[in-house]
Amino acid sequence: MTEYSRTPVTVIGLGSMGSALAETFVAAGHPTTVWNRTAAKAAPLVERGARHAATVDEAVAAGPLVVTCLMTYDDTREVLAPAASVLKDRALITLNSGSPAGARDMADWAIGHGARFLDGAIKNVPSAVGAADTLLYYAGDRGVFDEHRETLTTLGGDTVHLGDEPDLAALYEMAVGGTLLPALVGFFQGAALVQARGLPASTLVRFTVKWFEMINSVLPVFASEIDSGDYSEPASSVNAFVAGIPYDEELGREANLDVSWHAPLHELLRKAVAAGYGEHSVSALTEVLRKPEPAA
C-alpha cells in the first residue's frame, strides 16, 4: 500500500495517549486529521504533518475512520454530539475508560446515529504505541475490524478482536485492570520500606520484576483451577497467606508505614477460611469474591 492510498484517519482527543496515536498514524503515512478541545495541543502534530480541524464535525467528516481517545464514554458522547449528524456510515472506534455498561450505551448511541462501532483498549503506555508487542483489543462490529485491521495494527502488533458484543473490550479492560492498583501500591509500600532503611527505591526494581515474572508463570495454573473449580492441590494455600497476616502488621509498626490497605485483603482471606477453603489453593478466593445470586 502506498503512502497516498493509506486510509485517512481522524483522531479526537489529544492527551498523551491520543497524541501518541495520532503521531503513529502520521509516521505510518496515514492522512491524519486531529481535533482537541484545547486546540494548542494539536500544534506539535501539525508540525509532523497532521491536519488540524477547526471543529469536531469537520474532524469527523474528514475521513471514513474516526478514533476517539477521551477519558470516559460520557466525555466521548459529549464531544461527538455536535458531529452526530456526520457520523453516518463512518467507522467509529472509542479508546477510553469505562464500564461494560458504558460501552453498551456508547454503542447504542453511535449505532443510533448511523456509525459503525468498535470499542477498544490499549494495554500499554503512550510511548509503546506502535511497537510490535503492544496489545490492543477491540469489540463490536467485526466488519470494521476486518476492514481497518492493517490501520489498527499500526498502533500495536498484538491486535485482537474479542467478539461482536460491543462491551467485551471494556469487560476485559476492567478484568485485567483490577490487578494494577494493588500491584502498584505493593511496590510503593516496598519503596517506602527500603527508603526507611536509607536505601533507594531503585534497588527494588530488579527484584520486583522477578517477582512479577513468577506471578506471570503461575497465572495459567490459577486460571485452570478457577475454570475447573478444583482447588484441592494447592501450590500456595489460603492458610499460608493467612499465616502472613501478623507479619504485615508487624512491618507497619517497625517501619512506621500505613498498611491499612491490607485490611480488606486480610478479611477476604479470613472469609475463605470460614467458607472451608483454608487448605485449598489461594485461587479459591475467586469463590469468595462471587456474591450469591439475589433471591427470586
Protein backbone atom coordinates (compact mmCIF):
# COMPACT_ATOMS: atom_id res chain seq x y z
CA MET A 1 0.00 0.00 0.00
CA THR A 2 1.47 3.36 -0.96
CA GLU A 3 1.56 6.35 1.31
CA TYR A 4 -1.15 8.04 -0.77
CA SER A 5 -3.56 5.11 -0.55
CA ARG A 6 -3.42 4.68 3.20
CA THR A 7 -6.73 5.14 5.00
CA PRO A 8 -7.37 8.69 6.21
CA VAL A 9 -7.80 8.74 9.98
CA THR A 10 -9.27 11.27 12.38
CA VAL A 11 -8.06 11.31 15.99
CA ILE A 12 -10.21 13.16 18.52
CA GLY A 13 -8.69 13.77 21.95
CA LEU A 14 -5.02 14.73 22.15
CA GLY A 15 -3.92 13.87 25.64
CA SER A 16 -0.72 11.87 25.98
CA MET A 17 -2.28 8.70 24.56
CA GLY A 18 -4.31 10.40 21.83
CA SER A 19 -1.26 12.35 20.70
CA ALA A 20 0.75 9.11 20.56
CA LEU A 21 -1.96 7.52 18.40
CA ALA A 22 -2.05 10.46 16.01
CA GLU A 23 1.74 10.66 15.80
CA THR A 24 1.90 6.95 14.98
CA PHE A 25 -0.69 7.28 12.21
CA VAL A 26 1.19 10.22 10.72
CA ALA A 27 4.51 8.36 10.86
CA ALA A 28 2.91 5.39 9.08
CA GLY A 29 1.74 7.62 6.22
CA HIS A 30 -1.95 7.89 7.04
CA PRO A 31 -3.53 11.25 6.22
CA THR A 32 -4.38 12.26 9.78
CA THR A 33 -6.85 14.88 10.96
CA VAL A 34 -6.80 15.85 14.63
CA TRP A 35 -9.09 17.77 16.96
CA ASN A 36 -8.97 18.60 20.65
CA ARG A 37 -10.96 20.86 22.93
CA THR A 38 -7.69 22.65 23.71
CA ALA A 39 -6.57 23.48 20.20
CA ALA A 40 -2.96 24.21 21.18
CA LYS A 41 -2.36 20.50 21.76
CA ALA A 42 -2.65 19.93 18.02
CA ALA A 43 0.34 22.13 17.17
CA PRO A 44 3.12 19.51 17.60
CA LEU A 45 1.14 17.07 15.46
CA VAL A 46 0.55 19.65 12.74
CA GLU A 47 4.31 20.19 12.64
CA ARG A 48 4.69 16.45 11.97
CA GLY A 49 2.18 16.51 9.13
CA ALA A 50 -1.29 16.17 10.69
CA ARG A 51 -4.16 18.43 9.69
CA HIS A 52 -5.94 20.34 12.44
CA ALA A 53 -9.72 20.57 12.05
CA ALA A 54 -11.31 23.75 13.36
CA THR A 55 -14.44 21.95 14.65
CA VAL A 56 -15.28 18.45 15.75
CA ASP A 57 -17.82 17.97 12.96
CA GLU A 58 -15.15 18.98 10.42
CA ALA A 59 -12.82 16.42 12.00
CA VAL A 60 -15.39 13.62 11.83
CA ALA A 61 -16.24 14.48 8.22
CA ALA A 62 -12.58 14.33 7.16
CA GLY A 63 -12.41 10.58 6.63
CA PRO A 64 -14.00 7.16 6.97
CA LEU A 65 -12.26 6.19 10.24
CA VAL A 66 -12.66 8.18 13.46
CA VAL A 67 -10.69 7.23 16.58
CA THR A 68 -11.58 8.92 19.85
CA CYS A 69 -9.29 8.90 22.88
CA LEU A 70 -11.05 10.73 25.68
CA MET A 71 -11.41 10.00 29.38
CA THR A 72 -14.85 8.34 29.56
CA TYR A 73 -17.77 7.30 27.37
CA ASP A 74 -19.72 10.29 28.68
CA ASP A 75 -16.90 12.59 27.56
CA THR A 76 -16.88 10.91 24.16
CA ARG A 77 -20.61 11.38 23.62
CA GLU A 78 -20.43 14.99 24.80
CA VAL A 79 -17.57 15.81 22.42
CA LEU A 80 -19.14 13.99 19.47
CA ALA A 81 -22.64 15.38 19.97
CA PRO A 82 -22.13 18.37 17.63
CA ALA A 83 -20.90 15.94 14.95
CA ALA A 84 -23.67 13.35 15.39
CA SER A 85 -25.21 14.19 12.02
CA VAL A 86 -21.99 13.34 10.13
CA LEU A 87 -21.28 10.01 11.88
CA LYS A 88 -23.46 8.04 9.48
CA ASP A 89 -21.58 5.19 7.76
CA ARG A 90 -18.27 6.14 9.37
CA ALA A 91 -16.26 3.68 11.44
CA LEU A 92 -16.09 4.98 15.00
CA ILE A 93 -13.52 3.47 17.36
CA THR A 94 -13.56 4.54 21.00
CA LEU A 95 -10.48 4.13 23.20
CA ASN A 96 -11.39 5.34 26.66
CA SER A 97 -12.00 4.14 30.20
CA GLY A 98 -15.37 2.93 31.41
CA SER A 99 -17.54 0.02 32.36
CA PRO A 100 -19.14 -2.63 30.13
CA ALA A 101 -22.49 -0.90 30.68
CA GLY A 102 -20.92 2.35 29.49
CA ALA A 103 -19.64 0.61 26.36
CA ARG A 104 -23.10 -0.78 25.60
CA ASP A 105 -24.64 2.68 25.99
CA MET A 106 -21.93 4.15 23.77
CA ALA A 107 -22.58 1.51 21.11
CA ASP A 108 -26.32 2.22 21.19
CA TRP A 109 -25.66 5.97 20.81
CA ALA A 110 -23.16 5.54 17.97
CA ILE A 111 -25.21 2.99 16.04
CA GLY A 112 -28.30 5.10 16.59
CA HIS A 113 -26.53 7.88 14.69
CA GLY A 114 -25.59 5.52 11.87
CA ALA A 115 -21.96 4.89 12.83
CA ARG A 116 -20.26 1.51 12.58
CA PHE A 117 -18.98 0.99 16.10
CA LEU A 118 -15.89 -0.64 17.56
CA ASP A 119 -14.74 -0.18 21.16
CA GLY A 120 -11.14 -0.83 22.17
CA ALA A 121 -8.49 -0.74 24.85
CA ILE A 122 -4.75 -0.05 24.73
CA LYS A 123 -2.84 -2.22 27.18
CA ASN A 124 0.33 -0.19 27.40
CA VAL A 125 1.72 3.31 27.94
CA PRO A 126 1.77 6.05 25.26
CA SER A 127 5.47 5.54 24.48
CA ALA A 128 4.71 1.92 23.48
CA VAL A 129 2.12 2.82 20.82
CA GLY A 130 3.26 1.40 17.51
CA ALA A 131 5.52 -1.29 18.97
CA ALA A 132 5.33 -4.84 17.65
CA ASP A 133 4.41 -6.30 21.05
CA THR A 134 1.91 -3.64 22.14
CA LEU A 135 -1.52 -5.16 22.83
CA LEU A 136 -4.77 -3.55 21.76
CA TYR A 137 -8.06 -5.39 21.83
CA TYR A 138 -11.37 -4.45 20.28
CA ALA A 139 -15.02 -5.48 20.46
CA GLY A 140 -18.02 -4.73 18.32
CA ASP A 141 -18.51 -4.61 14.57
CA ARG A 142 -16.25 -7.31 13.11
CA GLY A 143 -16.60 -5.72 9.68
CA VAL A 144 -14.95 -2.53 10.96
CA PHE A 145 -12.11 -4.54 12.47
CA ASP A 146 -11.51 -6.56 9.32
CA GLU A 147 -11.73 -3.54 7.03
CA HIS A 148 -9.28 -1.48 9.10
CA ARG A 149 -7.11 -4.25 10.54
CA GLU A 150 -3.94 -3.02 8.78
CA THR A 151 -4.51 0.51 10.03
CA LEU A 152 -5.20 -0.68 13.58
CA THR A 153 -2.11 -2.88 13.59
CA THR A 154 -0.11 0.31 13.04
CA LEU A 155 -0.86 1.10 16.69
CA GLY A 156 0.40 -2.22 18.03
CA GLY A 157 1.43 -5.55 16.61
CA ASP A 158 -0.65 -7.57 19.06
CA THR A 159 -4.12 -6.56 17.83
CA VAL A 160 -7.11 -8.73 18.77
CA HIS A 161 -10.86 -8.76 18.07
CA LEU A 162 -12.62 -10.21 21.12
CA GLY A 163 -16.09 -10.61 19.63
CA ASP A 164 -19.12 -8.81 18.26
CA GLU A 165 -20.55 -7.87 21.67
CA PRO A 166 -19.60 -4.19 22.00
CA ASP A 167 -18.80 -4.33 25.71
CA LEU A 168 -16.17 -7.09 25.61
CA ALA A 169 -13.17 -4.76 25.40
CA ALA A 170 -14.42 -2.81 28.43
CA LEU A 171 -15.11 -6.09 30.23
CA TYR A 172 -11.57 -7.34 29.69
CA GLU A 173 -10.13 -3.89 30.39
CA MET A 174 -11.69 -3.90 33.85
CA ALA A 175 -10.97 -7.59 34.44
CA VAL A 176 -7.28 -7.13 33.69
CA GLY A 177 -7.05 -3.64 35.16
CA GLY A 178 -8.08 -4.88 38.60
CA THR A 179 -4.51 -6.08 39.11
CA LEU A 180 -2.92 -2.69 38.50
CA LEU A 181 -3.54 -0.60 41.62
CA PRO A 182 -2.91 -3.38 44.17
CA ALA A 183 0.36 -4.26 42.40
CA LEU A 184 1.47 -0.64 42.28
CA VAL A 185 0.54 0.03 45.92
CA GLY A 186 2.52 -3.08 46.87
CA PHE A 187 5.54 -1.66 45.05
CA PHE A 188 5.04 1.77 46.63
CA GLN A 189 4.91 0.16 50.07
CA GLY A 190 8.13 -1.68 49.29
CA ALA A 191 9.73 1.57 48.15
CA ALA A 192 8.76 3.28 51.41
CA LEU A 193 10.11 0.29 53.34
CA VAL A 194 13.58 0.25 51.78
CA GLN A 195 13.82 4.04 51.99
CA ALA A 196 13.09 3.75 55.72
CA ARG A 197 16.39 1.85 55.87
CA GLY A 198 18.19 4.53 53.88
CA LEU A 199 18.14 2.53 50.63
CA PRO A 200 16.96 3.90 47.26
CA ALA A 201 13.71 2.63 45.77
CA SER A 202 15.61 1.87 42.56
CA THR A 203 17.31 -1.06 44.28
CA LEU A 204 13.92 -2.74 44.50
CA VAL A 205 13.16 -2.76 40.78
CA ARG A 206 15.20 -5.78 39.71
CA PHE A 207 13.74 -7.99 42.41
CA THR A 208 10.18 -6.77 41.91
CA VAL A 209 10.39 -7.54 38.20
CA LYS A 210 11.49 -11.09 39.04
CA TRP A 211 8.54 -11.37 41.41
CA PHE A 212 6.14 -10.25 38.68
CA GLU A 213 7.69 -12.84 36.35
CA MET A 214 6.95 -15.51 38.95
CA ILE A 215 3.35 -14.31 39.22
CA ASN A 216 3.12 -14.41 35.43
CA SER A 217 4.26 -18.03 35.42
CA VAL A 218 1.55 -19.22 37.84
CA LEU A 219 -1.43 -17.40 36.30
CA PRO A 220 -2.20 -20.28 33.88
CA VAL A 221 -2.28 -22.68 36.84
CA PHE A 222 -4.63 -20.45 38.81
CA ALA A 223 -6.86 -19.93 35.74
CA SER A 224 -7.10 -23.70 35.27
CA GLU A 225 -8.07 -24.18 38.91
CA ILE A 226 -10.74 -21.49 38.67
CA ASP A 227 -12.18 -22.84 35.40
CA SER A 228 -12.33 -26.37 36.78
CA GLY A 229 -13.50 -25.35 40.25
CA ASP A 230 -10.91 -27.74 41.72
CA TYR A 231 -8.71 -26.03 44.31
CA SER A 232 -7.67 -29.19 46.13
CA GLU A 233 -4.00 -29.37 45.09
CA PRO A 234 -2.58 -26.02 46.13
CA ALA A 235 0.88 -24.74 45.42
CA SER A 236 0.02 -21.93 47.87
CA SER A 237 -2.89 -22.40 50.23
CA VAL A 238 -5.20 -19.79 51.72
CA ASN A 239 -3.87 -20.72 55.15
CA ALA A 240 -0.32 -19.93 54.03
CA PHE A 241 -1.40 -16.38 53.23
CA VAL A 242 -3.36 -16.11 56.49
CA ALA A 243 -0.20 -17.05 58.38
CA GLY A 244 1.50 -13.99 56.91
CA ILE A 245 -1.08 -11.50 58.22
CA PRO A 246 0.77 -10.78 61.51
CA TYR A 247 3.95 -10.01 59.56
CA ASP A 248 2.17 -7.34 57.54
CA GLU A 249 1.01 -5.72 60.75
CA GLU A 250 4.46 -6.02 62.36
CA LEU A 251 6.03 -4.44 59.29
CA GLY A 252 3.78 -1.41 59.63
CA ARG A 253 4.83 -0.90 63.23
CA GLU A 254 8.56 -1.42 62.61
CA ALA A 255 8.86 0.79 59.53
CA ASN A 256 6.17 3.31 60.54
CA LEU A 257 4.10 2.52 57.45
CA ASP A 258 0.36 2.76 56.90
CA VAL A 259 -0.50 -0.83 55.98
CA SER A 260 -4.26 -0.41 56.44
CA TRP A 261 -4.76 -1.07 52.72
CA HIS A 262 -4.12 -4.74 53.53
CA ALA A 263 -7.17 -4.94 55.81
CA PRO A 264 -9.79 -5.84 53.17
CA LEU A 265 -7.40 -8.42 51.69
CA HIS A 266 -6.94 -9.98 55.12
CA GLU A 267 -10.72 -10.01 55.59
CA LEU A 268 -11.11 -11.80 52.27
CA LEU A 269 -8.62 -14.46 53.37
CA ARG A 270 -10.47 -14.97 56.65
CA LYS A 271 -13.77 -15.32 54.79
CA ALA A 272 -12.20 -18.01 52.64
CA VAL A 273 -11.08 -19.92 55.72
CA ALA A 274 -14.56 -19.59 57.23
CA ALA A 275 -16.01 -20.95 53.98
CA GLY A 276 -13.83 -24.05 54.25
CA TYR A 277 -11.10 -23.10 51.76
CA GLY A 278 -8.19 -22.84 54.22
CA GLU A 279 -6.29 -25.83 52.82
CA HIS A 280 -7.27 -25.07 49.25
CA SER A 281 -5.38 -23.05 46.66
CA VAL A 282 -5.38 -19.31 47.18
CA SER A 283 -7.17 -19.09 43.82
CA ALA A 284 -10.27 -20.23 45.74
CA LEU A 285 -10.61 -16.59 46.77
CA THR A 286 -12.44 -16.30 43.45
CA GLU A 287 -15.32 -18.24 45.02
CA VAL A 288 -15.44 -15.87 47.99
CA LEU A 289 -15.50 -12.87 45.67
CA ARG A 290 -18.65 -14.13 43.98
CA LYS A 291 -21.79 -12.74 45.60
CA PRO A 292 -24.78 -15.07 45.95
CA GLU A 293 -27.44 -14.67 43.30
CA PRO A 294 -30.30 -12.49 44.61
CA ALA A 295 -33.35 -14.39 45.71
CA ALA A 296 -36.16 -14.51 43.14
